[in-house]
C-alpha atoms as a PDB file:
ATOM      1  CA  MET A   1      28.060  28.679 -42.062  1.00  0.00           C
ATOM      2  CA  SER A   2      26.664  27.466 -38.462  1.00  0.00           C
ATOM      3  CA  GLU A   3      24.508  24.505 -37.649  1.00  0.00           C
ATOM      4  CA  GLU A   4      22.062  26.732 -36.680  1.00  0.00           C
ATOM      5  CA  SER A   5      22.166  29.070 -39.827  1.00  0.00           C
ATOM      6  CA  ASN A   6      21.800  25.828 -41.774  1.00  0.00           C
ATOM      7  CA  ARG A   7      18.613  25.012 -40.150  1.00  0.00           C
ATOM      8  CA  ALA A   8      16.983  28.010 -40.589  1.00  0.00           C
ATOM      9  CA  ILE A   9      17.944  28.390 -44.152  1.00  0.00           C
ATOM     10  CA  ILE A  10      16.544  24.722 -44.535  1.00  0.00           C
ATOM     11  CA  GLU A  11      13.333  25.780 -42.941  1.00  0.00           C
ATOM     12  CA  GLU A  12      12.943  28.964 -45.288  1.00  0.00           C
ATOM     13  CA  HIS A  13      13.684  26.756 -48.227  1.00  0.00           C
ATOM     14  CA  ARG A  14      10.620  24.216 -47.211  1.00  0.00           C
ATOM     15  CA  ALA A  15       8.166  27.249 -46.398  1.00  0.00           C
ATOM     16  CA  GLU A  16       9.109  28.078 -49.958  1.00  0.00           C
ATOM     17  CA  ILE A  17       8.193  24.409 -50.937  1.00  0.00           C
ATOM     18  CA  ASP A  18       4.924  24.383 -49.297  1.00  0.00           C
ATOM     19  CA  GLU A  19       3.914  27.799 -50.766  1.00  0.00           C
ATOM     20  CA  ILE A  20       4.782  26.164 -54.152  1.00  0.00           C
ATOM     21  CA  ASP A  21       3.074  23.016 -53.188  1.00  0.00           C
ATOM     22  CA  ARG A  22      -0.156  24.907 -52.649  1.00  0.00           C
ATOM     23  CA  GLN A  23      -0.038  26.407 -56.258  1.00  0.00           C
ATOM     24  CA  ILE A  24       0.548  23.358 -57.668  1.00  0.00           C
ATOM     25  CA  VAL A  25      -2.639  21.587 -56.138  1.00  0.00           C
ATOM     26  CA  LYS A  26      -4.452  24.922 -57.393  1.00  0.00           C
ATOM     27  CA  LEU A  27      -2.988  24.540 -60.924  1.00  0.00           C
ATOM     28  CA  LEU A  28      -3.421  20.926 -61.092  1.00  0.00           C
ATOM     29  CA  ASN A  29      -7.148  21.267 -59.929  1.00  0.00           C
ATOM     30  CA  GLU A  30      -7.475  24.116 -62.509  1.00  0.00           C
ATOM     31  CA  ARG A  31      -6.330  21.954 -65.034  1.00  0.00           C
ATOM     32  CA  ALA A  32      -8.532  18.935 -63.876  1.00  0.00           C
ATOM     33  CA  LEU A  33     -11.384  20.988 -64.286  1.00  0.00           C
ATOM     34  CA  HIS A  34     -10.674  22.248 -67.912  1.00  0.00           C
ATOM     35  CA  SER A  35     -10.276  18.529 -69.033  1.00  0.00           C
ATOM     36  CA  LEU A  36     -13.040  17.374 -67.738  1.00  0.00           C
ATOM     37  CA  GLN A  37     -15.340  19.715 -69.196  1.00  0.00           C
ATOM     38  CA  ILE A  38     -13.468  18.921 -72.757  1.00  0.00           C
ATOM     39  CA  ARG A  39     -14.097  15.126 -71.769  1.00  0.00           C
ATOM     40  CA  ASP A  40     -17.532  15.876 -71.574  1.00  0.00           C
ATOM     41  CA  LEU A  41     -17.679  17.842 -74.581  1.00  0.00           C
ATOM     42  CA  LYS A  42     -16.026  15.542 -76.971  1.00  0.00           C
ATOM     43  CA  PRO A  43     -18.803  13.201 -77.673  1.00  0.00           C
ATOM     44  CA  GLY A  44     -21.083  16.063 -79.096  1.00  0.00           C
ATOM     45  CA  ALA A  45     -18.201  16.548 -81.289  1.00  0.00           C
ATOM     46  CA  LYS A  46     -17.758  13.341 -82.664  1.00  0.00           C
ATOM     47  CA  MET A  47     -14.506  13.021 -81.002  1.00  0.00           C
ATOM     48  CA  GLY A  48     -12.825   9.890 -79.363  1.00  0.00           C
ATOM     49  CA  LEU A  49     -12.279  10.368 -75.559  1.00  0.00           C
ATOM     50  CA  TYR A  50      -8.349   9.455 -75.657  1.00  0.00           C
ATOM     51  CA  ASP A  51      -6.333  11.051 -78.035  1.00  0.00           C
ATOM     52  CA  PRO A  52      -2.703   9.816 -77.956  1.00  0.00           C
ATOM     53  CA  ARG A  53      -1.280  12.311 -80.134  1.00  0.00           C
ATOM     54  CA  ARG A  54      -2.583  15.259 -78.122  1.00  0.00           C
ATOM     55  CA  GLU A  55      -1.012  13.463 -74.951  1.00  0.00           C
ATOM     56  CA  GLU A  56       2.200  13.330 -76.818  1.00  0.00           C
ATOM     57  CA  GLU A  57       1.757  17.225 -78.183  1.00  0.00           C
ATOM     58  CA  ILE A  58       1.212  17.976 -74.557  1.00  0.00           C
ATOM     59  CA  ILE A  59       4.314  16.072 -73.290  1.00  0.00           C
ATOM     60  CA  GLN A  60       6.437  17.668 -76.318  1.00  0.00           C
ATOM     61  CA  ARG A  61       5.524  21.063 -74.896  1.00  0.00           C
ATOM     62  CA  VAL A  62       6.304  20.943 -71.547  1.00  0.00           C
ATOM     63  CA  ALA A  63       9.582  19.389 -72.610  1.00  0.00           C
ATOM     64  CA  LYS A  64      10.169  22.579 -75.151  1.00  0.00           C
ATOM     65  CA  ALA A  65       9.287  24.862 -72.035  1.00  0.00           C
ATOM     66  CA  ASN A  66      11.549  23.045 -69.567  1.00  0.00           C
ATOM     67  CA  ASN A  67      14.697  24.799 -68.537  1.00  0.00           C
ATOM     68  CA  GLY A  68      15.962  22.765 -65.838  1.00  0.00           C
ATOM     69  CA  PRO A  69      16.922  21.354 -63.413  1.00  0.00           C
ATOM     70  CA  LEU A  70      14.660  18.646 -64.156  1.00  0.00           C
ATOM     71  CA  TYR A  71      15.621  16.750 -67.131  1.00  0.00           C
ATOM     72  CA  SER A  72      12.347  16.386 -69.607  1.00  0.00           C
ATOM     73  CA  GLU A  73      12.733  12.674 -68.992  1.00  0.00           C
ATOM     74  CA  HIS A  74      11.207  13.741 -65.748  1.00  0.00           C
ATOM     75  CA  LEU A  75       8.500  15.893 -66.768  1.00  0.00           C
ATOM     76  CA  ARG A  76       7.675  12.995 -69.038  1.00  0.00           C
ATOM     77  CA  GLU A  77       7.060  10.762 -66.242  1.00  0.00           C
ATOM     78  CA  ILE A  78       5.086  13.421 -64.129  1.00  0.00           C
ATOM     79  CA  TYR A  79       2.800  14.232 -67.186  1.00  0.00           C
ATOM     80  CA  THR A  80       2.011  10.893 -68.000  1.00  0.00           C
ATOM     81  CA  ALA A  81       0.904  10.264 -64.382  1.00  0.00           C
ATOM     82  CA  ILE A  82      -1.389  13.249 -64.371  1.00  0.00           C
ATOM     83  CA  LEU A  83      -2.674  12.236 -67.409  1.00  0.00           C
ATOM     84  CA  LYS A  84      -3.215   8.830 -66.355  1.00  0.00           C
ATOM     85  CA  VAL A  85      -5.292  10.222 -63.438  1.00  0.00           C
ATOM     86  CA  MET A  86      -7.493  12.383 -65.455  1.00  0.00           C
ATOM     87  CA  LYS A  87      -8.408   9.479 -67.439  1.00  0.00           C
ATOM     88  CA  GLU A  88      -9.827   7.830 -64.083  1.00  0.00           C
ATOM     89  CA  ALA A  89     -11.023  11.108 -62.888  1.00  0.00           C
ATOM     90  CA  PRO A  90     -15.070  10.408 -62.411  1.00  0.00           C
ATOM     91  CA  SER A  91     -16.829  13.549 -64.653  1.00  0.00           C
ATOM     92  CA  LEU A  92     -18.353  16.619 -63.508  1.00  0.00           C
END
């Protein structure tokens, strides 16, 4: 392949990544909304705000759904960060 065709293919991949990033942001915000709603409901359900067992269930479920190329350890790191941010997010 020529340098020009390689550059064109790179730009195509980058455009796809940009679209995927937009979708990820949309989905993360949808997830955050549900998480914040659950957090607001927990006191009325006599549930603690932090449930390490539930966090591990989430991470295990994500790992089980993983078909690569990311390693499950990488997804654990990503979801640990997502869950940490949600704990720090202000209520609705």
